[in-house]
Amino acid sequence: MRNLLLAPLLRWLGKLSFPRLFLVSALLFLLDLAVPDFIPFADELLLGLLTLLLARWKKPAATDKVPAAGDAGR
């Protein structure tokens, strides 16, 4: 049962450009929700947006080719 939940998560994390940075920001976001602060929800919103940004930042596919500098006009 544990493998059924963990395998898709690891496969999804493998597609991200920065999986460790995503995990760190997600853990900081959860920790920040638990700790009270002076300006309510300001840092929670920023960390949440950073986590969402990192979750959507995927590695380029192997079939995606970046044109070389000399090939731009062709």
PDB file of N, CA and C in Angstrom:
ATOM      1  N   MET A   1       0.829  -1.190   0.000  1.00  0.00           N
ATOM      2  CA  MET A   1       0.000   0.000   0.000  1.00  0.00           C
ATOM      3  C   MET A   1       0.875   1.256   0.000  1.00  0.00           C
ATOM      4  N   ARG A   2       1.963   1.222   0.746  1.00  0.00           N
ATOM      5  CA  ARG A   2       2.841   2.386   0.829  1.00  0.00           C
ATOM      6  C   ARG A   2       3.494   2.673  -0.519  1.00  0.00           C
ATOM      7  N   ASN A   3       3.857   1.606  -1.246  1.00  0.00           N
ATOM      8  CA  ASN A   3       4.458   1.785  -2.564  1.00  0.00           C
ATOM      9  C   ASN A   3       3.484   2.394  -3.548  1.00  0.00           C
ATOM     10  N   LEU A   4       2.205   2.101  -3.408  1.00  0.00           N
ATOM     11  CA  LEU A   4       1.209   2.653  -4.314  1.00  0.00           C
ATOM     12  C   LEU A   4       1.105   4.171  -4.179  1.00  0.00           C
ATOM     13  N   LEU A   5       1.373   4.692  -3.006  1.00  0.00           N
ATOM     14  CA  LEU A   5       1.326   6.134  -2.786  1.00  0.00           C
ATOM     15  C   LEU A   5       2.670   6.800  -3.053  1.00  0.00           C
ATOM     16  N   LEU A   6       3.747   6.105  -2.741  1.00  0.00           N
ATOM     17  CA  LEU A   6       5.081   6.700  -2.837  1.00  0.00           C
ATOM     18  C   LEU A   6       5.615   6.710  -4.272  1.00  0.00           C
ATOM     19  N   ALA A   7       5.330   5.681  -5.048  1.00  0.00           N
ATOM     20  CA  ALA A   7       5.869   5.585  -6.409  1.00  0.00           C
ATOM     21  C   ALA A   7       5.410   6.738  -7.307  1.00  0.00           C
ATOM     22  N   PRO A   8       4.101   7.069  -7.355  1.00  0.00           N
ATOM     23  CA  PRO A   8       3.716   8.213  -8.204  1.00  0.00           C
ATOM     24  C   PRO A   8       4.311   9.535  -7.723  1.00  0.00           C
ATOM     25  N   LEU A   9       4.437   9.712  -6.412  1.00  0.00           N
ATOM     26  CA  LEU A   9       5.026  10.931  -5.879  1.00  0.00           C
ATOM     27  C   LEU A   9       6.487  11.050  -6.286  1.00  0.00           C
ATOM     28  N   LEU A  10       7.245   9.972  -6.179  1.00  0.00           N
ATOM     29  CA  LEU A  10       8.654  10.004  -6.582  1.00  0.00           C
ATOM     30  C   LEU A  10       8.810  10.206  -8.079  1.00  0.00           C
ATOM     31  N   ARG A  11       7.918   9.624  -8.872  1.00  0.00           N
ATOM     32  CA  ARG A  11       7.961   9.808 -10.318  1.00  0.00           C
ATOM     33  C   ARG A  11       7.678  11.283 -10.667  1.00  0.00           C
ATOM     34  N   TRP A  12       6.702  11.888  -9.975  1.00  0.00           N
ATOM     35  CA  TRP A  12       6.380  13.294 -10.211  1.00  0.00           C
ATOM     36  C   TRP A  12       7.535  14.192  -9.778  1.00  0.00           C
ATOM     37  N   LEU A  13       8.153  13.894  -8.620  1.00  0.00           N
ATOM     38  CA  LEU A  13       9.293  14.688  -8.167  1.00  0.00           C
ATOM     39  C   LEU A  13      10.471  14.563  -9.121  1.00  0.00           C
ATOM     40  N   GLY A  14      10.619  13.411  -9.765  1.00  0.00           N
ATOM     41  CA  GLY A  14      11.705  13.213 -10.722  1.00  0.00           C
ATOM     42  C   GLY A  14      11.582  14.091 -11.949  1.00  0.00           C
ATOM     43  N   LYS A  15      10.376  14.550 -12.262  1.00  0.00           N
ATOM     44  CA  LYS A  15      10.163  15.410 -13.426  1.00  0.00           C
ATOM     45  C   LYS A  15      10.454  16.875 -13.130  1.00  0.00           C
ATOM     46  N   LEU A  16      10.550  17.238 -11.863  1.00  0.00           N
ATOM     47  CA  LEU A  16      10.781  18.634 -11.495  1.00  0.00           C
ATOM     48  C   LEU A  16      12.234  19.022 -11.718  1.00  0.00           C
ATOM     49  N   SER A  17      12.462  20.284 -11.985  1.00  0.00           N
ATOM     50  CA  SER A  17      13.833  20.765 -12.167  1.00  0.00           C
ATOM     51  C   SER A  17      14.595  20.783 -10.844  1.00  0.00           C
ATOM     52  N   PHE A  18      13.913  21.173  -9.770  1.00  0.00           N
ATOM     53  CA  PHE A  18      14.551  21.276  -8.466  1.00  0.00           C
ATOM     54  C   PHE A  18      13.704  20.560  -7.415  1.00  0.00           C
ATOM     55  N   PRO A  19      13.735  19.231  -7.374  1.00  0.00           N
ATOM     56  CA  PRO A  19      12.860  18.515  -6.440  1.00  0.00           C
ATOM     57  C   PRO A  19      13.212  18.764  -4.976  1.00  0.00           C
ATOM     58  N   ARG A  20      14.478  18.883  -4.663  1.00  0.00           N
ATOM     59  CA  ARG A  20      14.861  19.123  -3.258  1.00  0.00           C
ATOM     60  C   ARG A  20      14.440  20.520  -2.808  1.00  0.00           C
ATOM     61  N   LEU A  21      14.604  21.485  -3.685  1.00  0.00           N
ATOM     62  CA  LEU A  21      14.191  22.849  -3.357  1.00  0.00           C
ATOM     63  C   LEU A  21      12.681  22.921  -3.165  1.00  0.00           C
ATOM     64  N   PHE A  22      11.929  22.178  -3.970  1.00  0.00           N
ATOM     65  CA  PHE A  22      10.484  22.108  -3.801  1.00  0.00           C
ATOM     66  C   PHE A  22      10.137  21.509  -2.448  1.00  0.00           C
ATOM     67  N   LEU A  23      10.786  20.406  -2.073  1.00  0.00           N
ATOM     68  CA  LEU A  23      10.493  19.772  -0.786  1.00  0.00           C
ATOM     69  C   LEU A  23      10.850  20.678   0.386  1.00  0.00           C
ATOM     70  N   VAL A  24      11.965  21.385   0.290  1.00  0.00           N
ATOM     71  CA  VAL A  24      12.367  22.306   1.356  1.00  0.00           C
ATOM     72  C   VAL A  24      11.352  23.438   1.491  1.00  0.00           C
ATOM     73  N   SER A  25      10.930  24.018   0.362  1.00  0.00           N
ATOM     74  CA  SER A  25       9.967  25.111   0.450  1.00  0.00           C
ATOM     75  C   SER A  25       8.609  24.615   0.943  1.00  0.00           C
ATOM     76  N   ALA A  26       8.210  23.399   0.570  1.00  0.00           N
ATOM     77  CA  ALA A  26       6.945  22.849   1.060  1.00  0.00           C
ATOM     78  C   ALA A  26       7.012  22.599   2.566  1.00  0.00           C
ATOM     79  N   LEU A  27       8.134  22.080   3.054  1.00  0.00           N
ATOM     80  CA  LEU A  27       8.279  21.858   4.497  1.00  0.00           C
ATOM     81  C   LEU A  27       8.319  23.179   5.262  1.00  0.00           C
ATOM     82  N   LEU A  28       9.014  24.184   4.711  1.00  0.00           N
ATOM     83  CA  LEU A  28       9.029  25.503   5.346  1.00  0.00           C
ATOM     84  C   LEU A  28       7.633  26.117   5.379  1.00  0.00           C
ATOM     85  N   PHE A  29       6.863  25.914   4.325  1.00  0.00           N
ATOM     86  CA  PHE A  29       5.493  26.423   4.276  1.00  0.00           C
ATOM     87  C   PHE A  29       4.642  25.778   5.375  1.00  0.00           C
ATOM     88  N   LEU A  30       4.757  24.464   5.525  1.00  0.00           N
ATOM     89  CA  LEU A  30       3.982  23.772   6.572  1.00  0.00           C
ATOM     90  C   LEU A  30       4.432  24.200   7.964  1.00  0.00           C
ATOM     91  N   LEU A  31       5.740  24.366   8.161  1.00  0.00           N
ATOM     92  CA  LEU A  31       6.250  24.823   9.449  1.00  0.00           C
ATOM     93  C   LEU A  31       5.799  26.250   9.730  1.00  0.00           C
ATOM     94  N   ASP A  32       5.788  27.075   8.704  1.00  0.00           N
ATOM     95  CA  ASP A  32       5.382  28.469   8.862  1.00  0.00           C
ATOM     96  C   ASP A  32       3.899  28.599   9.209  1.00  0.00           C
ATOM     97  N   LEU A  33       3.092  27.663   8.734  1.00  0.00           N
ATOM     98  CA  LEU A  33       1.676  27.675   9.096  1.00  0.00           C
ATOM     99  C   LEU A  33       1.468  27.407  10.587  1.00  0.00           C
ATOM    100  N   ALA A  34       2.381  26.638  11.182  1.00  0.00           N
ATOM    101  CA  ALA A  34       2.237  26.257  12.586  1.00  0.00           C
ATOM    102  C   ALA A  34       2.773  27.322  13.552  1.00  0.00           C
ATOM    103  N   VAL A  35       3.687  28.170  13.075  1.00  0.00           N
ATOM    104  CA  VAL A  35       4.323  29.164  13.944  1.00  0.00           C
ATOM    105  C   VAL A  35       3.619  30.512  13.772  1.00  0.00           C
ATOM    106  N   PRO A  36       3.148  31.110  14.859  1.00  0.00           N
ATOM    107  CA  PRO A  36       2.495  32.419  14.742  1.00  0.00           C
ATOM    108  C   PRO A  36       3.515  33.517  14.396  1.00  0.00           C
ATOM    109  N   ASP A  37       3.067  34.555  13.696  1.00  0.00           N
ATOM    110  CA  ASP A  37       3.966  35.637  13.307  1.00  0.00           C
ATOM    111  C   ASP A  37       3.268  36.992  13.458  1.00  0.00           C
ATOM    112  N   PHE A  38       4.010  38.066  13.207  1.00  0.00           N
ATOM    113  CA  PHE A  38       3.513  39.417  13.430  1.00  0.00           C
ATOM    114  C   PHE A  38       2.524  39.868  12.353  1.00  0.00           C
ATOM    115  N   ILE A  39       2.823  39.580  11.098  1.00  0.00           N
ATOM    116  CA  ILE A  39       1.927  39.943   9.999  1.00  0.00           C
ATOM    117  C   ILE A  39       1.258  38.654   9.527  1.00  0.00           C
ATOM    118  N   PRO A  40       0.018  38.445   9.895  1.00  0.00           N
ATOM    119  CA  PRO A  40      -0.637  37.174   9.569  1.00  0.00           C
ATOM    120  C   PRO A  40      -0.735  36.924   8.066  1.00  0.00           C
ATOM    121  N   PHE A  41      -0.389  35.762   7.674  1.00  0.00           N
ATOM    122  CA  PHE A  41      -0.545  35.217   6.323  1.00  0.00           C
ATOM    123  C   PHE A  41       0.328  35.845   5.249  1.00  0.00           C
ATOM    124  N   ALA A  42       1.155  36.833   5.547  1.00  0.00           N
ATOM    125  CA  ALA A  42       2.001  37.422   4.505  1.00  0.00           C
ATOM    126  C   ALA A  42       3.066  36.420   4.059  1.00  0.00           C
ATOM    127  N   ASP A  43       3.804  35.865   4.995  1.00  0.00           N
ATOM    128  CA  ASP A  43       4.847  34.912   4.624  1.00  0.00           C
ATOM    129  C   ASP A  43       4.262  33.583   4.185  1.00  0.00           C
ATOM    130  N   GLU A  44       3.097  33.205   4.696  1.00  0.00           N
ATOM    131  CA  GLU A  44       2.458  31.969   4.252  1.00  0.00           C
ATOM    132  C   GLU A  44       2.088  32.069   2.770  1.00  0.00           C
ATOM    133  N   LEU A  45       1.580  33.233   2.366  1.00  0.00           N
ATOM    134  CA  LEU A  45       1.224  33.431   0.964  1.00  0.00           C
ATOM    135  C   LEU A  45       2.463  33.371   0.066  1.00  0.00           C
ATOM    136  N   LEU A  46       3.534  34.024   0.494  1.00  0.00           N
ATOM    137  CA  LEU A  46       4.756  34.018  -0.321  1.00  0.00           C
ATOM    138  C   LEU A  46       5.357  32.619  -0.428  1.00  0.00           C
ATOM    139  N   LEU A  47       5.438  31.902   0.692  1.00  0.00           N
ATOM    140  CA  LEU A  47       5.986  30.548   0.637  1.00  0.00           C
ATOM    141  C   LEU A  47       5.074  29.609  -0.144  1.00  0.00           C
ATOM    142  N   GLY A  48       3.786  29.791  -0.028  1.00  0.00           N
ATOM    143  CA  GLY A  48       2.859  28.968  -0.797  1.00  0.00           C
ATOM    144  C   GLY A  48       2.998  29.210  -2.295  1.00  0.00           C
ATOM    145  N   LEU A  49       3.138  30.476  -2.688  1.00  0.00           N
ATOM    146  CA  LEU A  49       3.330  30.798  -4.096  1.00  0.00           C
ATOM    147  C   LEU A  49       4.668  30.270  -4.620  1.00  0.00           C
ATOM    148  N   LEU A  50       5.709  30.358  -3.811  1.00  0.00           N
ATOM    149  CA  LEU A  50       7.008  29.802  -4.193  1.00  0.00           C
ATOM    150  C   LEU A  50       6.913  28.298  -4.375  1.00  0.00           C
ATOM    151  N   THR A  51       6.213  27.625  -3.482  1.00  0.00           N
ATOM    152  CA  THR A  51       6.057  26.178  -3.589  1.00  0.00           C
ATOM    153  C   THR A  51       5.290  25.808  -4.851  1.00  0.00           C
ATOM    154  N   LEU A  52       4.236  26.554  -5.158  1.00  0.00           N
ATOM    155  CA  LEU A  52       3.478  26.288  -6.383  1.00  0.00           C
ATOM    156  C   LEU A  52       4.322  26.554  -7.632  1.00  0.00           C
ATOM    157  N   LEU A  53       5.130  27.606  -7.596  1.00  0.00           N
ATOM    158  CA  LEU A  53       6.008  27.899  -8.721  1.00  0.00           C
ATOM    159  C   LEU A  53       6.992  26.762  -8.951  1.00  0.00           C
ATOM    160  N   LEU A  54       7.595  26.274  -7.881  1.00  0.00           N
ATOM    161  CA  LEU A  54       8.556  25.180  -8.010  1.00  0.00           C
ATOM    162  C   LEU A  54       7.883  23.878  -8.434  1.00  0.00           C
ATOM    163  N   ALA A  55       6.626  23.693  -8.056  1.00  0.00           N
ATOM    164  CA  ALA A  55       5.907  22.485  -8.455  1.00  0.00           C
ATOM    165  C   ALA A  55       5.610  22.487  -9.951  1.00  0.00           C
ATOM    166  N   ARG A  56       5.432  23.648 -10.547  1.00  0.00           N
ATOM    167  CA  ARG A  56       5.100  23.726 -11.967  1.00  0.00           C
ATOM    168  C   ARG A  56       6.339  23.804 -12.860  1.00  0.00           C
ATOM    169  N   TRP A  57       7.527  24.001 -12.290  1.00  0.00           N
ATOM    170  CA  TRP A  57       8.762  24.164 -13.047  1.00  0.00           C
ATOM    171  C   TRP A  57       9.312  22.779 -13.381  1.00  0.00           C
ATOM    172  N   LYS A  58       9.060  22.315 -14.588  1.00  0.00           N
ATOM    173  CA  LYS A  58       9.455  20.976 -15.022  1.00  0.00           C
ATOM    174  C   LYS A  58      10.767  21.019 -15.795  1.00  0.00           C
ATOM    175  N   LYS A  59      11.425  19.856 -15.860  1.00  0.00           N
ATOM    176  CA  LYS A  59      12.600  19.714 -16.700  1.00  0.00           C
ATOM    177  C   LYS A  59      12.162  19.731 -18.154  1.00  0.00           C
ATOM    178  N   PRO A  60      12.988  20.275 -19.048  1.00  0.00           N
ATOM    179  CA  PRO A  60      12.629  20.219 -20.468  1.00  0.00           C
ATOM    180  C   PRO A  60      12.684  18.771 -20.954  1.00  0.00           C
ATOM    181  N   ALA A  61      11.766  18.423 -21.835  1.00  0.00           N
ATOM    182  CA  ALA A  61      11.741  17.064 -22.374  1.00  0.00           C
ATOM    183  C   ALA A  61      12.960  16.838 -23.259  1.00  0.00           C
ATOM    184  N   ALA A  62      13.347  15.587 -23.401  1.00  0.00           N
ATOM    185  CA  ALA A  62      14.527  15.252 -24.203  1.00  0.00           C
ATOM    186  C   ALA A  62      14.303  15.590 -25.675  1.00  0.00           C
ATOM    187  N   THR A  63      13.055  15.630 -26.116  1.00  0.00           N
ATOM    188  CA  THR A  63      12.773  15.925 -27.524  1.00  0.00           C
ATOM    189  C   THR A  63      12.768  17.412 -27.824  1.00  0.00           C
ATOM    190  N   ASP A  64      12.684  18.246 -26.785  1.00  0.00           N
ATOM    191  CA  ASP A  64      12.720  19.697 -26.986  1.00  0.00           C
ATOM    192  C   ASP A  64      14.133  20.120 -27.359  1.00  0.00           C
ATOM    193  N   LYS A  65      14.259  20.754 -28.515  1.00  0.00           N
ATOM    194  CA  LYS A  65      15.578  21.191 -28.958  1.00  0.00           C
ATOM    195  C   LYS A  65      15.630  22.712 -28.913  1.00  0.00           C
ATOM    196  N   VAL A  66      16.695  23.215 -28.342  1.00  0.00           N
ATOM    197  CA  VAL A  66      16.928  24.651 -28.300  1.00  0.00           C
ATOM    198  C   VAL A  66      17.764  25.009 -29.510  1.00  0.00           C
ATOM    199  N   PRO A  67      17.316  25.944 -30.352  1.00  0.00           N
ATOM    200  CA  PRO A  67      18.091  26.288 -31.548  1.00  0.00           C
ATOM    201  C   PRO A  67      19.408  26.939 -31.169  1.00  0.00           C
ATOM    202  N   ALA A  68      20.422  26.626 -31.919  1.00  0.00           N
ATOM    203  CA  ALA A  68      21.739  27.220 -31.707  1.00  0.00           C
ATOM    204  C   ALA A  68      21.690  28.670 -32.148  1.00  0.00           C
ATOM    205  N   ALA A  69      22.677  29.463 -31.781  1.00  0.00           N
ATOM    206  CA  ALA A  69      22.687  30.889 -32.087  1.00  0.00           C
ATOM    207  C   ALA A  69      22.715  31.141 -33.596  1.00  0.00           C
ATOM    208  N   GLY A  70      23.401  30.310 -34.367  1.00  0.00           N
ATOM    209  CA  GLY A  70      23.476  30.505 -35.810  1.00  0.00           C
ATOM    210  C   GLY A  70      22.256  29.992 -36.553  1.00  0.00           C
ATOM    211  N   ASP A  71      21.431  29.158 -35.920  1.00  0.00           N
ATOM    212  CA  ASP A  71      20.274  28.558 -36.580  1.00  0.00           C
ATOM    213  C   ASP A  71      18.994  29.369 -36.379  1.00  0.00           C
ATOM    214  N   ALA A  72      19.047  30.496 -35.735  1.00  0.00           N
ATOM    215  CA  ALA A  72      17.847  31.244 -35.403  1.00  0.00           C
ATOM    216  C   ALA A  72      17.171  31.829 -36.637  1.00  0.00           C
ATOM    217  N   GLY A  73      17.917  32.184 -37.663  1.00  0.00           N
ATOM    218  CA  GLY A  73      17.354  32.794 -38.856  1.00  0.00           C
ATOM    219  C   GLY A  73      16.854  31.805 -39.888  1.00  0.00           C
ATOM    220  N   ARG A  74      17.094  30.557 -39.730  1.00  0.00           N
ATOM    221  CA  ARG A  74      16.737  29.558 -40.737  1.00  0.00           C
ATOM    222  C   ARG A  74      15.398  28.962 -40.524  1.00  0.00           C
TER     223      ARG A  74
END
